[in-house]
N, C-alpha and C. Protein backbone atom coordinates (compact mmCIF):
# COMPACT_ATOMS: atom_id res chain seq x y z
N UNK A 1 87.62 82.52 141.54
CA UNK A 1 88.46 81.87 142.45
C UNK A 1 89.66 81.02 141.43
N UNK A 2 90.71 80.97 141.83
CA UNK A 2 91.78 80.54 140.82
C UNK A 2 92.06 78.93 141.43
N UNK A 3 92.58 78.14 140.38
CA UNK A 3 93.03 76.66 140.80
C UNK A 3 94.10 76.67 141.83
N UNK A 4 95.24 77.79 141.46
CA UNK A 4 96.26 77.84 142.12
C UNK A 4 95.79 78.25 143.58
N UNK A 5 94.72 79.02 143.92
CA UNK A 5 94.76 79.39 145.32
C UNK A 5 93.96 78.29 146.01
N UNK A 6 93.26 77.27 145.55
CA UNK A 6 92.56 76.38 146.13
C UNK A 6 93.38 75.17 146.76
N UNK A 7 94.62 74.76 145.86
CA UNK A 7 95.29 73.77 146.25
C UNK A 7 96.75 74.21 146.38
N UNK A 8 97.60 73.63 147.46
CA UNK A 8 99.01 73.92 147.55
C UNK A 8 99.45 72.49 147.43
N UNK A 9 101.01 72.81 147.62
CA UNK A 9 101.62 71.35 147.36
C UNK A 9 101.42 70.55 148.61
N UNK A 10 101.19 70.77 149.70
CA UNK A 10 101.00 69.98 150.77
C UNK A 10 99.84 69.14 150.67
N UNK A 11 98.65 69.54 149.82
CA UNK A 11 97.34 68.89 149.45
C UNK A 11 98.12 67.66 148.84
N UNK A 12 98.77 67.74 147.99
CA UNK A 12 99.22 66.67 146.93
C UNK A 12 100.33 65.72 147.40
N UNK A 13 101.00 66.09 148.34
CA UNK A 13 102.25 65.20 148.93
C UNK A 13 101.62 64.88 150.46
N UNK A 14 101.70 63.58 150.49
CA UNK A 14 101.48 62.89 151.88
C UNK A 14 102.76 63.48 152.55
N UNK A 15 102.63 63.77 153.97
CA UNK A 15 103.77 63.84 155.02
C UNK A 15 103.85 62.93 156.05
N UNK A 16 102.45 62.38 156.22
CA UNK A 16 102.38 61.32 157.35
C UNK A 16 101.88 59.94 156.81
N UNK A 17 101.99 58.82 157.32
CA UNK A 17 101.47 57.60 156.75
C UNK A 17 101.41 56.69 158.05
N UNK A 18 100.33 55.79 158.02
CA UNK A 18 100.07 54.98 159.14
C UNK A 18 100.67 53.54 158.94
N UNK A 19 101.49 53.06 159.70
CA UNK A 19 102.23 51.66 159.57
C UNK A 19 101.35 50.67 159.57
N UNK A 20 101.45 49.48 158.48
CA UNK A 20 100.59 48.49 158.42
C UNK A 20 100.57 47.45 159.82
N UNK A 21 101.98 47.46 160.20
CA UNK A 21 102.09 46.71 161.62
C UNK A 21 101.67 47.23 162.85
N UNK A 22 102.45 48.07 163.18
CA UNK A 22 101.97 48.86 164.61
C UNK A 22 100.74 49.84 164.46
N UNK A 23 100.36 50.43 163.24
CA UNK A 23 99.49 51.16 162.84
C UNK A 23 99.63 52.53 163.70
N UNK A 24 100.69 52.93 163.98
CA UNK A 24 101.11 54.34 164.61
C UNK A 24 101.21 55.11 163.23
N UNK A 25 100.98 56.50 163.44
CA UNK A 25 101.08 57.51 162.42
C UNK A 25 102.68 57.91 162.65
N UNK A 26 103.38 58.00 161.53
CA UNK A 26 104.67 58.45 161.60
C UNK A 26 105.00 59.42 160.37
N UNK A 27 105.94 60.34 160.34
CA UNK A 27 106.50 60.97 159.41
C UNK A 27 106.97 60.23 158.03
N UNK A 28 106.52 60.57 157.12
CA UNK A 28 106.82 59.76 155.71
C UNK A 28 108.42 59.45 155.41
N UNK A 29 108.96 60.66 155.44
CA UNK A 29 110.40 60.89 155.10
C UNK A 29 111.22 60.44 156.06
N UNK A 30 110.98 60.60 157.36
CA UNK A 30 111.95 60.14 158.48
C UNK A 30 111.60 58.77 159.23
N UNK A 31 110.23 58.35 159.00
CA UNK A 31 109.98 56.96 159.85
C UNK A 31 109.79 56.02 158.80
N UNK A 32 110.04 55.98 157.60
CA UNK A 32 109.79 54.82 156.40
C UNK A 32 110.99 54.66 155.57
N UNK A 33 111.38 53.74 155.19
CA UNK A 33 112.39 53.39 154.15
C UNK A 33 112.13 53.70 152.65
N UNK A 34 112.89 54.05 151.65
CA UNK A 34 112.41 54.54 150.40
C UNK A 34 112.57 53.02 149.84
N UNK A 35 111.64 52.54 148.86
CA UNK A 35 111.58 51.27 148.72
C UNK A 35 112.08 51.17 147.00
N UNK A 36 111.92 52.53 146.40
CA UNK A 36 112.47 52.42 144.96
C UNK A 36 112.62 53.95 144.42
N UNK A 37 113.22 54.09 143.37
CA UNK A 37 113.54 55.73 143.18
C UNK A 37 112.20 56.40 142.95
N UNK A 38 112.56 57.63 143.17
CA UNK A 38 111.09 58.69 143.10
C UNK A 38 111.15 59.31 144.16
N UNK A 39 110.39 60.36 144.02
CA UNK A 39 110.13 61.28 145.25
C UNK A 39 108.84 61.15 145.79
N UNK A 40 108.12 60.57 145.14
CA UNK A 40 106.45 60.50 145.52
C UNK A 40 106.32 59.79 146.59
N UNK A 41 105.10 59.71 147.30
CA UNK A 41 104.72 58.92 148.44
C UNK A 41 104.59 57.49 148.15
N UNK A 42 104.47 56.79 146.84
CA UNK A 42 104.56 55.53 146.45
C UNK A 42 106.16 55.21 146.58
N UNK A 43 106.92 55.87 146.76
CA UNK A 43 108.36 55.34 146.59
C UNK A 43 108.56 54.97 148.16
N UNK A 44 107.78 54.96 149.23
CA UNK A 44 108.25 54.68 150.60
C UNK A 44 107.44 53.34 150.92
N UNK A 45 108.13 52.54 151.92
CA UNK A 45 107.24 51.46 152.23
C UNK A 45 106.11 51.52 153.21
N UNK A 46 105.28 50.66 153.30
CA UNK A 46 104.17 50.83 154.17
C UNK A 46 104.30 50.39 155.64
N UNK A 47 105.67 49.80 155.90
CA UNK A 47 105.96 49.49 157.26
C UNK A 47 107.16 50.37 157.50
N UNK A 48 107.01 50.94 158.79
CA UNK A 48 107.94 51.77 159.50
C UNK A 48 109.24 51.31 159.48
N UNK A 49 110.42 52.07 159.96
CA UNK A 49 111.62 51.53 160.25
C UNK A 49 111.82 50.61 161.18
N UNK A 50 111.04 50.99 162.33
CA UNK A 50 111.24 50.20 163.59
C UNK A 50 110.67 48.65 163.48
N UNK A 51 109.53 48.77 162.78
CA UNK A 51 108.62 47.42 162.70
C UNK A 51 109.68 46.50 161.53
N UNK A 52 110.21 47.24 160.51
CA UNK A 52 111.06 46.66 159.64
C UNK A 52 112.22 45.93 160.49
N UNK A 53 112.94 46.82 161.11
CA UNK A 53 114.16 46.09 162.16
C UNK A 53 113.77 45.04 162.86
N UNK A 54 112.64 45.19 163.44
CA UNK A 54 112.15 43.88 164.22
C UNK A 54 111.88 42.90 163.51
N UNK A 55 111.29 42.99 162.32
CA UNK A 55 110.92 41.91 161.57
C UNK A 55 112.19 41.20 161.11
N UNK A 56 113.13 42.15 160.58
CA UNK A 56 114.42 41.42 159.97
C UNK A 56 115.19 40.79 161.19
N UNK A 57 115.10 41.15 162.35
CA UNK A 57 116.02 40.45 163.52
C UNK A 57 115.24 39.24 163.68
N UNK A 58 114.06 39.13 163.57
CA UNK A 58 113.36 38.08 164.26
C UNK A 58 113.36 37.03 163.14
N UNK A 59 113.36 37.21 161.88
CA UNK A 59 113.62 36.37 160.85
C UNK A 59 115.14 35.93 160.21
N UNK A 60 115.86 36.47 161.15
CA UNK A 60 117.31 36.15 160.72
C UNK A 60 117.56 34.82 161.09
N UNK A 61 118.52 34.11 160.35
CA UNK A 61 119.04 33.03 160.60
C UNK A 61 119.99 32.91 161.66
N UNK A 62 119.92 31.78 162.68
CA UNK A 62 120.95 31.60 163.76
C UNK A 62 122.07 30.71 163.35
N UNK A 63 123.15 30.92 164.37
CA UNK A 63 124.33 30.06 164.12
C UNK A 63 124.50 28.82 164.85
N UNK A 64 123.27 28.49 165.22
CA UNK A 64 123.09 27.30 166.13
C UNK A 64 123.55 26.06 165.30
N UNK A 65 123.31 25.83 164.06
CA UNK A 65 123.83 24.59 163.39
C UNK A 65 125.27 24.60 163.52
N UNK A 66 126.03 25.58 163.20
CA UNK A 66 127.49 25.66 163.44
C UNK A 66 128.17 25.33 164.79
N UNK A 67 127.58 25.87 165.80
CA UNK A 67 127.96 25.70 167.10
C UNK A 67 127.71 24.30 167.62
N UNK A 68 126.55 23.64 167.22
CA UNK A 68 126.22 22.34 168.03
C UNK A 68 126.81 21.14 166.99
N UNK A 69 127.45 21.47 166.20
CA UNK A 69 128.10 20.23 165.33
C UNK A 69 129.13 19.59 166.02
N UNK A 70 129.20 18.42 166.32
CA UNK A 70 130.29 17.52 166.83
C UNK A 70 130.95 16.54 165.84
N UNK A 71 131.95 16.01 166.18
CA UNK A 71 132.65 15.10 165.06
C UNK A 71 132.08 13.73 165.29
N UNK A 72 131.64 13.02 164.14
CA UNK A 72 130.80 11.97 164.42
C UNK A 72 131.63 10.69 165.29
N UNK A 73 130.85 10.05 165.97
CA UNK A 73 131.52 8.87 166.54
C UNK A 73 131.12 7.74 165.87
N UNK A 74 132.32 7.22 165.28
CA UNK A 74 132.14 6.06 164.63
C UNK A 74 132.60 4.88 165.27
């Protein structure tokens, strides 16, 4: 039995990952953003693209302060 026969490239590279936020299993390349250079599974984030978009939109600052300002009444 040869070492090359036992293992294939698919065994070494993860193709799917479970999102930490929504806990759904999604494709690694299409479902997650890349966080740093490289091609390994550690180069991708642990939060899926959908959850990342929701988090950013929720935490984004609003322009309420600019719209509610009025001239001071002295």
